[in-house]
Amino acid sequence: MSAGGDGDRVPEALALALGGTFGPGGAMSAECEAVAITTVDEDGWPRTALLSLAEVVLTSNGRIAILLHNGSTGAANLRRNGRLLVTVAAGGNLYDLKFTVQEQGPVLTNPPRTTFTGMLRAVREQRASYATVTSGIRFILHASDTVLPRWHEQLTHLQSALDPA
């Protein structure tokens, strides 16, 4: 399955998983799915990083906003070539989503984080008739009372980055 350009729709399971909410009713939880992103370093090698659901927002028409630490290797790689692969488990399948992105600037501080936005170029759905993907990589927060309010701020920021000006 592939998609790209304005107006193309992402699978519903992906729009729900990466739509900027957490679980039923949008309730944030200390136990969450991670989203794997892959960039390409200056030597041509893939570099993988894990983001929380509060660092990635995907619209149903394929626009994405991600938040990365300003000095991270992933941010440097995206500044150089703009190629982003997002891998996520959703709807019983595993999806690889290819994007081209551009930096929108370091806008959140403490720690300094920058936003990249872009468009979906292709979707690869991986499924098997003999098995269902039940989850991806999961984690549990140690300090949810301090992290969850920050995540709410991050999601508000990412959603505003995707709003038409």
N, C-alpha and C. Protein backbone atom coordinates (compact mmCIF):
# COMPACT_ATOMS: atom_id res chain seq x y z
N MET A 1 0.85 -1.16 0.00
CA MET A 1 0.00 0.00 0.00
C MET A 1 0.90 1.22 0.00
N SER A 2 0.59 2.21 -0.80
CA SER A 2 1.38 3.43 -0.77
C SER A 2 0.48 4.63 -0.90
N ALA A 3 0.98 5.76 -0.43
CA ALA A 3 0.24 7.02 -0.49
C ALA A 3 1.24 8.14 -0.62
N GLY A 4 0.79 9.29 -1.02
CA GLY A 4 1.66 10.45 -1.07
C GLY A 4 0.96 11.65 -1.65
N GLY A 5 1.38 12.82 -1.22
CA GLY A 5 0.82 14.05 -1.74
C GLY A 5 -0.40 14.51 -0.96
N ASP A 6 -0.82 15.72 -1.23
CA ASP A 6 -1.98 16.29 -0.55
C ASP A 6 -3.24 15.51 -0.89
N GLY A 7 -4.08 15.31 0.13
CA GLY A 7 -5.36 14.68 -0.09
C GLY A 7 -5.36 13.19 0.12
N ASP A 8 -4.19 12.52 0.05
CA ASP A 8 -4.15 11.08 0.31
C ASP A 8 -4.42 10.85 1.78
N ARG A 9 -5.06 9.74 2.06
CA ARG A 9 -5.42 9.41 3.43
C ARG A 9 -4.53 8.30 3.97
N VAL A 10 -4.21 8.40 5.23
CA VAL A 10 -3.48 7.33 5.88
C VAL A 10 -4.50 6.33 6.41
N PRO A 11 -4.11 5.08 6.62
CA PRO A 11 -5.05 4.11 7.19
C PRO A 11 -5.62 4.62 8.52
N GLU A 12 -6.88 4.33 8.76
CA GLU A 12 -7.56 4.84 9.96
C GLU A 12 -6.83 4.46 11.24
N ALA A 13 -6.30 3.24 11.31
CA ALA A 13 -5.60 2.80 12.51
C ALA A 13 -4.40 3.70 12.81
N LEU A 14 -3.71 4.17 11.76
CA LEU A 14 -2.57 5.06 11.95
C LEU A 14 -3.02 6.44 12.39
N ALA A 15 -4.08 6.95 11.80
CA ALA A 15 -4.60 8.26 12.18
C ALA A 15 -5.02 8.25 13.66
N LEU A 16 -5.60 7.15 14.11
CA LEU A 16 -5.98 7.04 15.52
C LEU A 16 -4.76 6.92 16.42
N ALA A 17 -3.78 6.12 16.02
CA ALA A 17 -2.60 5.89 16.85
C ALA A 17 -1.73 7.13 16.97
N LEU A 18 -1.62 7.93 15.90
CA LEU A 18 -0.71 9.08 15.88
C LEU A 18 -1.43 10.41 15.77
N GLY A 19 -2.69 10.43 16.12
CA GLY A 19 -3.49 11.64 15.96
C GLY A 19 -3.37 12.67 17.05
N GLY A 20 -2.47 12.46 18.00
CA GLY A 20 -2.26 13.47 19.04
C GLY A 20 -3.09 13.25 20.28
N THR A 21 -3.60 12.05 20.46
CA THR A 21 -4.33 11.72 21.69
C THR A 21 -3.77 10.42 22.25
N PHE A 22 -4.09 10.14 23.47
CA PHE A 22 -3.64 8.92 24.13
C PHE A 22 -4.84 8.10 24.51
N GLY A 23 -5.04 6.99 23.85
CA GLY A 23 -6.07 6.04 24.25
C GLY A 23 -7.48 6.59 24.18
N PRO A 24 -8.44 5.84 24.73
CA PRO A 24 -9.84 6.25 24.69
C PRO A 24 -10.04 7.59 25.39
N GLY A 25 -10.72 8.49 24.72
CA GLY A 25 -11.00 9.79 25.30
C GLY A 25 -9.80 10.70 25.39
N GLY A 26 -8.67 10.29 24.83
CA GLY A 26 -7.48 11.14 24.84
C GLY A 26 -6.76 11.17 26.18
N ALA A 27 -7.04 10.23 27.07
CA ALA A 27 -6.42 10.22 28.39
C ALA A 27 -4.96 9.82 28.29
N MET A 28 -4.07 10.64 28.84
CA MET A 28 -2.66 10.31 28.87
C MET A 28 -2.40 9.32 29.98
N SER A 29 -1.44 8.45 29.76
CA SER A 29 -1.13 7.40 30.71
C SER A 29 0.38 7.28 30.87
N ALA A 30 0.80 6.75 32.03
CA ALA A 30 2.22 6.54 32.27
C ALA A 30 2.76 5.35 31.48
N GLU A 31 1.88 4.51 30.93
CA GLU A 31 2.30 3.38 30.10
C GLU A 31 1.88 3.66 28.67
N CYS A 32 2.86 3.70 27.76
CA CYS A 32 2.60 4.16 26.39
C CYS A 32 3.36 3.35 25.36
N GLU A 33 2.88 3.46 24.12
CA GLU A 33 3.60 2.92 22.97
C GLU A 33 4.70 3.91 22.58
N ALA A 34 5.79 3.37 22.08
CA ALA A 34 6.84 4.19 21.51
C ALA A 34 6.70 4.17 19.99
N VAL A 35 7.17 5.22 19.35
CA VAL A 35 7.19 5.32 17.90
C VAL A 35 8.65 5.32 17.47
N ALA A 36 9.01 4.41 16.59
CA ALA A 36 10.39 4.34 16.09
C ALA A 36 10.53 5.25 14.88
N ILE A 37 11.57 6.07 14.90
CA ILE A 37 11.89 6.87 13.71
C ILE A 37 13.28 6.46 13.25
N THR A 38 13.47 6.50 11.95
CA THR A 38 14.78 6.18 11.37
C THR A 38 15.17 7.32 10.45
N THR A 39 16.40 7.79 10.63
CA THR A 39 16.99 8.79 9.75
C THR A 39 18.26 8.18 9.16
N VAL A 40 18.91 8.89 8.26
CA VAL A 40 20.13 8.40 7.62
C VAL A 40 21.27 9.34 7.99
N ASP A 41 22.34 8.78 8.59
CA ASP A 41 23.45 9.63 9.00
C ASP A 41 24.33 10.01 7.82
N GLU A 42 25.35 10.82 8.08
CA GLU A 42 26.19 11.35 6.99
C GLU A 42 27.00 10.28 6.29
N ASP A 43 27.14 9.10 6.91
CA ASP A 43 27.85 7.99 6.26
C ASP A 43 26.90 7.02 5.56
N GLY A 44 25.60 7.36 5.53
CA GLY A 44 24.62 6.53 4.84
C GLY A 44 24.02 5.41 5.68
N TRP A 45 24.33 5.39 6.98
CA TRP A 45 23.81 4.34 7.86
C TRP A 45 22.50 4.77 8.50
N PRO A 46 21.56 3.82 8.67
CA PRO A 46 20.31 4.15 9.35
C PRO A 46 20.55 4.40 10.84
N ARG A 47 19.84 5.40 11.39
CA ARG A 47 19.90 5.72 12.82
C ARG A 47 18.47 5.69 13.34
N THR A 48 18.23 4.89 14.35
CA THR A 48 16.89 4.74 14.91
C THR A 48 16.81 5.44 16.26
N ALA A 49 15.68 6.07 16.51
CA ALA A 49 15.39 6.69 17.80
C ALA A 49 13.94 6.36 18.15
N LEU A 50 13.66 6.34 19.44
CA LEU A 50 12.30 6.10 19.90
C LEU A 50 11.71 7.39 20.42
N LEU A 51 10.49 7.70 19.97
CA LEU A 51 9.76 8.88 20.43
C LEU A 51 8.51 8.43 21.16
N SER A 52 8.00 9.29 22.00
CA SER A 52 6.73 9.02 22.66
C SER A 52 5.60 9.49 21.75
N LEU A 53 4.38 9.11 22.08
CA LEU A 53 3.22 9.57 21.32
C LEU A 53 2.98 11.06 21.50
N ALA A 54 3.70 11.68 22.42
CA ALA A 54 3.60 13.14 22.61
C ALA A 54 4.63 13.89 21.77
N GLU A 55 5.37 13.16 20.93
CA GLU A 55 6.37 13.79 20.08
C GLU A 55 6.10 13.59 18.60
N VAL A 56 4.95 13.00 18.27
CA VAL A 56 4.58 12.73 16.89
C VAL A 56 3.08 12.98 16.73
N VAL A 57 2.71 13.77 15.74
CA VAL A 57 1.29 13.94 15.38
C VAL A 57 1.18 13.76 13.87
N LEU A 58 0.24 12.91 13.45
CA LEU A 58 -0.02 12.63 12.04
C LEU A 58 -1.48 12.93 11.74
N THR A 59 -1.72 13.71 10.69
CA THR A 59 -3.10 13.99 10.29
C THR A 59 -3.59 12.92 9.32
N SER A 60 -4.90 12.86 9.14
CA SER A 60 -5.48 11.85 8.25
C SER A 60 -5.10 12.09 6.79
N ASN A 61 -4.67 13.30 6.44
CA ASN A 61 -4.25 13.55 5.05
C ASN A 61 -2.73 13.45 4.86
N GLY A 62 -2.02 12.92 5.89
CA GLY A 62 -0.60 12.62 5.71
C GLY A 62 0.39 13.68 6.12
N ARG A 63 -0.06 14.71 6.82
CA ARG A 63 0.89 15.71 7.33
C ARG A 63 1.39 15.24 8.68
N ILE A 64 2.69 15.42 8.93
CA ILE A 64 3.29 15.00 10.19
C ILE A 64 4.02 16.16 10.84
N ALA A 65 4.05 16.14 12.16
CA ALA A 65 4.89 17.05 12.95
C ALA A 65 5.56 16.18 14.01
N ILE A 66 6.89 16.33 14.13
CA ILE A 66 7.62 15.61 15.17
C ILE A 66 8.47 16.60 15.95
N LEU A 67 8.74 16.24 17.18
CA LEU A 67 9.54 17.06 18.07
C LEU A 67 10.79 16.28 18.46
N LEU A 68 11.96 16.86 18.19
CA LEU A 68 13.24 16.21 18.51
C LEU A 68 14.09 17.16 19.33
N HIS A 69 14.97 16.58 20.14
CA HIS A 69 15.93 17.41 20.86
C HIS A 69 16.80 18.12 19.83
N ASN A 70 17.00 19.41 20.05
CA ASN A 70 17.65 20.27 19.08
C ASN A 70 19.03 19.77 18.67
N GLY A 71 19.81 19.24 19.60
CA GLY A 71 21.16 18.79 19.29
C GLY A 71 21.28 17.31 18.99
N SER A 72 20.17 16.62 18.77
CA SER A 72 20.22 15.17 18.56
C SER A 72 20.75 14.82 17.17
N THR A 73 21.23 13.59 17.07
CA THR A 73 21.69 13.07 15.78
C THR A 73 20.54 13.03 14.78
N GLY A 74 19.35 12.63 15.24
CA GLY A 74 18.19 12.59 14.36
C GLY A 74 17.88 13.96 13.77
N ALA A 75 17.92 15.00 14.62
CA ALA A 75 17.66 16.36 14.12
C ALA A 75 18.72 16.77 13.09
N ALA A 76 19.98 16.46 13.36
CA ALA A 76 21.05 16.80 12.41
C ALA A 76 20.84 16.08 11.09
N ASN A 77 20.45 14.81 11.15
CA ASN A 77 20.22 14.04 9.92
C ASN A 77 19.06 14.62 9.12
N LEU A 78 17.98 14.99 9.80
CA LEU A 78 16.82 15.56 9.09
C LEU A 78 17.14 16.93 8.51
N ARG A 79 17.95 17.72 9.20
CA ARG A 79 18.36 19.01 8.64
C ARG A 79 19.14 18.81 7.35
N ARG A 80 19.95 17.75 7.31
CA ARG A 80 20.80 17.50 6.15
C ARG A 80 20.01 16.97 4.96
N ASN A 81 19.09 16.00 5.18
CA ASN A 81 18.46 15.39 4.00
C ASN A 81 16.93 15.31 4.05
N GLY A 82 16.30 15.60 5.19
CA GLY A 82 14.85 15.66 5.25
C GLY A 82 14.12 14.33 5.10
N ARG A 83 14.83 13.22 5.15
CA ARG A 83 14.20 11.91 4.98
C ARG A 83 13.92 11.27 6.33
N LEU A 84 12.66 10.90 6.51
CA LEU A 84 12.21 10.34 7.79
C LEU A 84 11.39 9.09 7.53
N LEU A 85 11.71 8.02 8.26
CA LEU A 85 10.91 6.80 8.25
C LEU A 85 10.33 6.64 9.66
N VAL A 86 9.01 6.50 9.74
CA VAL A 86 8.33 6.28 11.01
C VAL A 86 7.78 4.86 10.99
N THR A 87 8.06 4.09 12.04
CA THR A 87 7.56 2.72 12.14
C THR A 87 6.68 2.62 13.38
N VAL A 88 5.45 2.12 13.18
CA VAL A 88 4.50 2.05 14.29
C VAL A 88 3.60 0.83 14.13
N ALA A 89 3.25 0.23 15.25
CA ALA A 89 2.27 -0.86 15.27
C ALA A 89 0.89 -0.25 15.50
N ALA A 90 -0.07 -0.62 14.66
CA ALA A 90 -1.43 -0.10 14.81
C ALA A 90 -2.40 -1.00 14.05
N GLY A 91 -3.58 -1.18 14.61
CA GLY A 91 -4.63 -1.92 13.92
C GLY A 91 -4.26 -3.35 13.58
N GLY A 92 -3.38 -3.97 14.37
CA GLY A 92 -2.99 -5.35 14.13
C GLY A 92 -1.90 -5.54 13.10
N ASN A 93 -1.34 -4.44 12.61
CA ASN A 93 -0.29 -4.48 11.59
C ASN A 93 0.90 -3.63 12.02
N LEU A 94 1.97 -3.74 11.27
CA LEU A 94 3.12 -2.87 11.43
C LEU A 94 3.20 -1.99 10.19
N TYR A 95 3.44 -0.71 10.38
CA TYR A 95 3.49 0.24 9.27
C TYR A 95 4.84 0.95 9.23
N ASP A 96 5.37 1.11 8.02
CA ASP A 96 6.51 1.98 7.75
C ASP A 96 5.98 3.14 6.93
N LEU A 97 6.21 4.35 7.40
CA LEU A 97 5.74 5.56 6.72
C LEU A 97 6.93 6.41 6.34
N LYS A 98 7.05 6.73 5.05
CA LYS A 98 8.14 7.57 4.57
C LYS A 98 7.65 9.00 4.42
N PHE A 99 8.47 9.95 4.92
CA PHE A 99 8.14 11.37 4.86
C PHE A 99 9.33 12.17 4.36
N THR A 100 9.05 13.31 3.78
CA THR A 100 10.05 14.35 3.60
C THR A 100 9.63 15.46 4.55
N VAL A 101 10.60 15.95 5.34
CA VAL A 101 10.29 16.94 6.36
C VAL A 101 11.27 18.11 6.29
N GLN A 102 10.84 19.23 6.90
CA GLN A 102 11.67 20.41 7.03
C GLN A 102 11.57 20.92 8.46
N GLU A 103 12.64 21.52 8.93
CA GLU A 103 12.66 22.06 10.29
C GLU A 103 11.83 23.34 10.37
N GLN A 104 11.08 23.45 11.44
CA GLN A 104 10.29 24.65 11.70
C GLN A 104 10.93 25.53 12.77
N GLY A 105 12.04 25.07 13.35
CA GLY A 105 12.79 25.89 14.30
C GLY A 105 12.70 25.38 15.73
N PRO A 106 13.70 25.73 16.55
CA PRO A 106 13.68 25.35 17.96
C PRO A 106 12.68 26.24 18.70
N VAL A 107 11.58 25.65 19.11
CA VAL A 107 10.52 26.47 19.69
C VAL A 107 10.15 26.11 21.12
N LEU A 108 10.54 24.94 21.57
CA LEU A 108 10.27 24.57 22.96
C LEU A 108 11.61 24.49 23.69
N THR A 109 11.63 25.00 24.90
CA THR A 109 12.88 25.03 25.67
C THR A 109 12.77 24.11 26.88
N ASN A 110 13.92 23.93 27.52
CA ASN A 110 14.00 23.18 28.77
C ASN A 110 13.50 21.75 28.65
N PRO A 111 14.16 20.91 27.89
CA PRO A 111 15.36 21.12 27.08
C PRO A 111 15.00 21.67 25.70
N PRO A 112 16.00 22.23 24.99
CA PRO A 112 15.73 22.78 23.65
C PRO A 112 15.28 21.68 22.69
N ARG A 113 14.10 21.87 22.10
CA ARG A 113 13.55 20.91 21.14
C ARG A 113 13.10 21.65 19.91
N THR A 114 13.23 20.98 18.78
CA THR A 114 12.87 21.58 17.50
C THR A 114 11.78 20.76 16.83
N THR A 115 11.02 21.41 15.97
CA THR A 115 9.90 20.78 15.29
C THR A 115 10.22 20.60 13.82
N PHE A 116 9.90 19.41 13.30
CA PHE A 116 9.98 19.13 11.88
C PHE A 116 8.57 18.80 11.40
N THR A 117 8.19 19.33 10.25
CA THR A 117 6.90 19.01 9.65
C THR A 117 7.12 18.56 8.22
N GLY A 118 6.19 17.79 7.71
CA GLY A 118 6.31 17.33 6.33
C GLY A 118 5.12 16.53 5.87
N MET A 119 5.29 15.92 4.70
CA MET A 119 4.22 15.17 4.03
C MET A 119 4.60 13.71 3.86
N LEU A 120 3.59 12.89 3.96
CA LEU A 120 3.72 11.46 3.72
C LEU A 120 4.04 11.22 2.25
N ARG A 121 5.01 10.36 1.99
CA ARG A 121 5.37 9.99 0.63
C ARG A 121 4.99 8.56 0.30
N ALA A 122 5.02 7.68 1.30
CA ALA A 122 4.65 6.28 1.05
C ALA A 122 4.32 5.59 2.37
N VAL A 123 3.43 4.62 2.29
CA VAL A 123 3.06 3.78 3.44
C VAL A 123 3.29 2.33 3.03
N ARG A 124 3.95 1.60 3.90
CA ARG A 124 4.11 0.16 3.70
C ARG A 124 3.45 -0.54 4.88
N GLU A 125 2.42 -1.31 4.57
CA GLU A 125 1.71 -2.05 5.60
C GLU A 125 2.25 -3.48 5.62
N GLN A 126 2.70 -3.92 6.79
CA GLN A 126 3.21 -5.28 6.93
C GLN A 126 2.20 -6.08 7.76
N ARG A 127 1.68 -7.13 7.15
CA ARG A 127 0.72 -7.98 7.86
C ARG A 127 0.97 -9.42 7.47
N ALA A 128 0.56 -10.30 8.35
CA ALA A 128 0.69 -11.73 8.10
C ALA A 128 -0.65 -12.39 8.36
N SER A 129 -1.02 -13.34 7.53
CA SER A 129 -2.30 -14.02 7.69
C SER A 129 -2.32 -14.90 8.94
N TYR A 130 -1.15 -15.24 9.45
CA TYR A 130 -1.06 -16.17 10.58
C TYR A 130 -0.83 -15.48 11.93
N ALA A 131 -0.75 -14.14 11.95
CA ALA A 131 -0.47 -13.45 13.21
C ALA A 131 -0.99 -12.03 13.18
N THR A 132 -1.23 -11.48 14.37
CA THR A 132 -1.66 -10.09 14.53
C THR A 132 -0.64 -9.38 15.41
N VAL A 133 -0.22 -8.20 14.99
CA VAL A 133 0.66 -7.38 15.81
C VAL A 133 -0.20 -6.76 16.91
N THR A 134 0.13 -7.06 18.17
CA THR A 134 -0.69 -6.57 19.27
C THR A 134 -0.15 -5.28 19.88
N SER A 135 1.14 -5.03 19.72
CA SER A 135 1.70 -3.77 20.20
C SER A 135 3.11 -3.62 19.63
N GLY A 136 3.60 -2.42 19.76
CA GLY A 136 4.99 -2.16 19.40
C GLY A 136 5.82 -2.13 20.67
N ILE A 137 6.85 -1.32 20.67
CA ILE A 137 7.67 -1.14 21.85
C ILE A 137 6.89 -0.29 22.84
N ARG A 138 6.84 -0.72 24.09
CA ARG A 138 6.10 -0.01 25.13
C ARG A 138 7.06 0.42 26.23
N PHE A 139 6.67 1.46 26.96
CA PHE A 139 7.46 1.91 28.09
C PHE A 139 6.55 2.45 29.18
N ILE A 140 7.09 2.55 30.39
CA ILE A 140 6.37 3.09 31.53
C ILE A 140 7.18 4.27 32.07
N LEU A 141 6.52 5.40 32.26
CA LEU A 141 7.18 6.58 32.79
C LEU A 141 7.49 6.42 34.27
N HIS A 142 8.63 6.96 34.71
CA HIS A 142 8.98 6.93 36.12
C HIS A 142 8.42 8.13 36.87
N ALA A 143 8.26 9.25 36.20
CA ALA A 143 7.80 10.49 36.85
C ALA A 143 6.62 11.07 36.06
N SER A 144 5.54 10.31 35.98
CA SER A 144 4.42 10.73 35.14
C SER A 144 3.81 12.06 35.59
N ASP A 145 3.90 12.38 36.87
CA ASP A 145 3.32 13.64 37.35
C ASP A 145 4.02 14.86 36.77
N THR A 146 5.28 14.74 36.38
CA THR A 146 5.98 15.85 35.74
C THR A 146 6.02 15.72 34.23
N VAL A 147 6.04 14.49 33.73
CA VAL A 147 6.15 14.27 32.29
C VAL A 147 4.82 14.52 31.57
N LEU A 148 3.72 14.04 32.10
CA LEU A 148 2.44 14.16 31.40
C LEU A 148 2.03 15.61 31.13
N PRO A 149 2.21 16.55 32.07
CA PRO A 149 1.91 17.95 31.72
C PRO A 149 2.79 18.48 30.57
N ARG A 150 4.08 18.07 30.56
CA ARG A 150 4.96 18.49 29.47
C ARG A 150 4.48 17.89 28.15
N TRP A 151 4.04 16.63 28.17
CA TRP A 151 3.53 16.00 26.97
C TRP A 151 2.29 16.73 26.44
N HIS A 152 1.44 17.17 27.33
CA HIS A 152 0.26 17.92 26.89
C HIS A 152 0.69 19.19 26.16
N GLU A 153 1.68 19.90 26.70
CA GLU A 153 2.22 21.10 26.05
C GLU A 153 2.80 20.75 24.68
N GLN A 154 3.54 19.65 24.60
CA GLN A 154 4.16 19.24 23.33
C GLN A 154 3.10 18.93 22.28
N LEU A 155 2.06 18.20 22.66
CA LEU A 155 1.00 17.86 21.69
C LEU A 155 0.29 19.11 21.20
N THR A 156 0.01 20.03 22.10
CA THR A 156 -0.62 21.29 21.70
C THR A 156 0.26 22.02 20.69
N HIS A 157 1.55 22.04 20.96
CA HIS A 157 2.50 22.68 20.04
C HIS A 157 2.52 21.99 18.68
N LEU A 158 2.61 20.66 18.66
CA LEU A 158 2.68 19.93 17.39
C LEU A 158 1.40 20.10 16.59
N GLN A 159 0.26 20.04 17.26
CA GLN A 159 -1.01 20.22 16.54
C GLN A 159 -1.09 21.61 15.95
N SER A 160 -0.60 22.63 16.67
CA SER A 160 -0.62 23.99 16.12
C SER A 160 0.35 24.13 14.94
N ALA A 161 1.43 23.35 14.94
CA ALA A 161 2.37 23.38 13.81
C ALA A 161 1.73 22.85 12.53
N LEU A 162 0.70 22.03 12.67
CA LEU A 162 0.03 21.46 11.50
C LEU A 162 -1.21 22.25 11.10
N ASP A 163 -1.64 23.20 11.94
CA ASP A 163 -2.81 24.00 11.58
C ASP A 163 -2.46 24.90 10.41
N PRO A 164 -3.39 25.03 9.46
CA PRO A 164 -3.13 25.94 8.34
C PRO A 164 -3.01 27.38 8.84
N ALA A 165 -2.04 28.09 8.30
CA ALA A 165 -1.81 29.48 8.73
C ALA A 165 -2.82 30.42 8.16
